[in-house]
């Protein structure tokens, strides 16, 4: 029993020492190539998503009620700026 306590304490200290964890280092060329491959795969997805967002915006602006709401907003914003109440 007397021997078990120091052995357990030693195991705990060895497992918790600061150097035991892997420190993040500079990425090597293999990791950089893997990251470049992932970015190349994500590019077309981002392109499609951006195009869908722009198409959706244009489609929304084609509706007369959307244009009227935008005009009302712009008019109120301009009046507020002229009065100085948006400072």
Protein backbone atom coordinates (compact mmCIF):
# COMPACT_ATOMS: atom_id res chain seq x y z
CA UNK A 1 0.00 0.00 0.00
CA UNK A 2 2.84 2.38 0.81
CA UNK A 3 4.32 1.76 -2.63
CA UNK A 4 0.99 2.17 -4.45
CA UNK A 5 0.47 5.80 -3.39
CA UNK A 6 3.78 7.13 -4.78
CA UNK A 7 3.34 5.09 -7.96
CA UNK A 8 -0.16 6.52 -8.50
CA UNK A 9 1.11 10.04 -7.78
CA UNK A 10 3.94 9.56 -10.27
CA UNK A 11 1.53 8.30 -12.95
CA UNK A 12 -0.74 11.28 -12.39
CA UNK A 13 2.16 13.74 -12.59
CA UNK A 14 3.55 12.14 -15.74
CA UNK A 15 0.14 12.22 -17.41
CA UNK A 16 -0.51 15.87 -16.52
CA UNK A 17 2.87 17.41 -17.25
CA UNK A 18 2.73 20.42 -19.58
CA UNK A 19 5.01 18.90 -22.21
CA UNK A 20 2.85 15.80 -22.55
CA UNK A 21 0.32 17.53 -24.77
CA UNK A 22 1.15 17.96 -28.42
CA UNK A 23 2.05 21.53 -29.22
CA UNK A 24 0.69 22.94 -32.46
CA UNK A 25 3.55 23.60 -34.80
CA UNK A 26 4.00 24.98 -38.24
CA UNK A 27 2.01 23.01 -40.80
CA UNK A 28 4.09 20.82 -43.07
CA UNK A 29 3.72 20.61 -46.84
CA UNK A 30 1.39 17.59 -46.67
CA UNK A 31 -1.01 19.46 -44.40
CA UNK A 32 -0.83 22.54 -46.62
CA UNK A 33 -1.64 20.41 -49.69
CA UNK A 34 -4.59 18.86 -47.87
CA UNK A 35 -5.90 22.30 -46.89
CA UNK A 36 -5.50 23.58 -50.45
CA UNK A 37 -7.47 20.60 -51.71
CA UNK A 38 -10.28 21.34 -49.25
CA UNK A 39 -10.41 24.98 -50.32
CA UNK A 40 -10.52 23.94 -53.98
CA UNK A 41 -13.47 21.67 -53.23
CA UNK A 42 -15.33 24.40 -51.34
CA UNK A 43 -14.86 27.05 -54.06
CA UNK A 44 -17.62 25.81 -56.38
CA UNK A 45 -20.00 25.49 -53.42
CA UNK A 46 -19.39 29.10 -52.39
CA UNK A 47 -19.82 30.21 -55.99
CA UNK A 48 -23.18 28.45 -56.28
CA UNK A 49 -24.32 29.85 -52.93
CA UNK A 50 -23.34 33.41 -53.90
CA UNK A 51 -25.15 33.12 -57.22
CA UNK A 52 -28.27 31.81 -55.46
CA UNK A 53 -28.21 34.72 -53.00
CA UNK A 54 -27.83 37.30 -55.78
CA UNK A 55 -30.59 35.68 -57.83
CA UNK A 56 -32.85 35.71 -54.78
CA UNK A 57 -32.14 39.38 -54.17
CA UNK A 58 -32.86 40.28 -57.78
CA UNK A 59 -36.06 38.22 -57.73
CA UNK A 60 -37.22 40.00 -54.58
CA UNK A 61 -36.46 43.42 -56.07
CA UNK A 62 -38.55 42.60 -59.15
CA UNK A 63 -41.70 42.65 -57.00
CA UNK A 64 -43.40 46.06 -56.94
CA UNK A 65 -44.28 45.81 -53.25
CA UNK A 66 -40.62 45.29 -52.37
CA UNK A 67 -39.59 48.34 -54.38
CA UNK A 68 -42.30 50.41 -52.67
CA UNK A 69 -41.14 49.29 -49.21
CA UNK A 70 -37.56 50.12 -50.12
CA UNK A 71 -38.61 53.57 -51.39
CA UNK A 72 -40.54 54.28 -48.16
CA UNK A 73 -37.53 53.24 -46.13
CA UNK A 74 -35.16 55.41 -48.18
CA UNK A 75 -37.50 58.41 -47.90
CA UNK A 76 -37.83 58.06 -44.11
CA UNK A 77 -34.09 57.57 -43.75
CA UNK A 78 -33.36 60.69 -45.81
CA UNK A 79 -35.84 62.75 -43.76
CA UNK A 80 -34.32 61.51 -40.52
CA UNK A 81 -30.86 62.45 -41.70
CA UNK A 82 -32.07 65.90 -42.75
CA UNK A 83 -33.61 66.47 -39.31
CA UNK A 84 -30.50 65.19 -37.58
CA UNK A 85 -32.36 62.61 -35.55
CA UNK A 86 -30.13 59.68 -36.59
CA UNK A 87 -26.96 60.99 -35.01
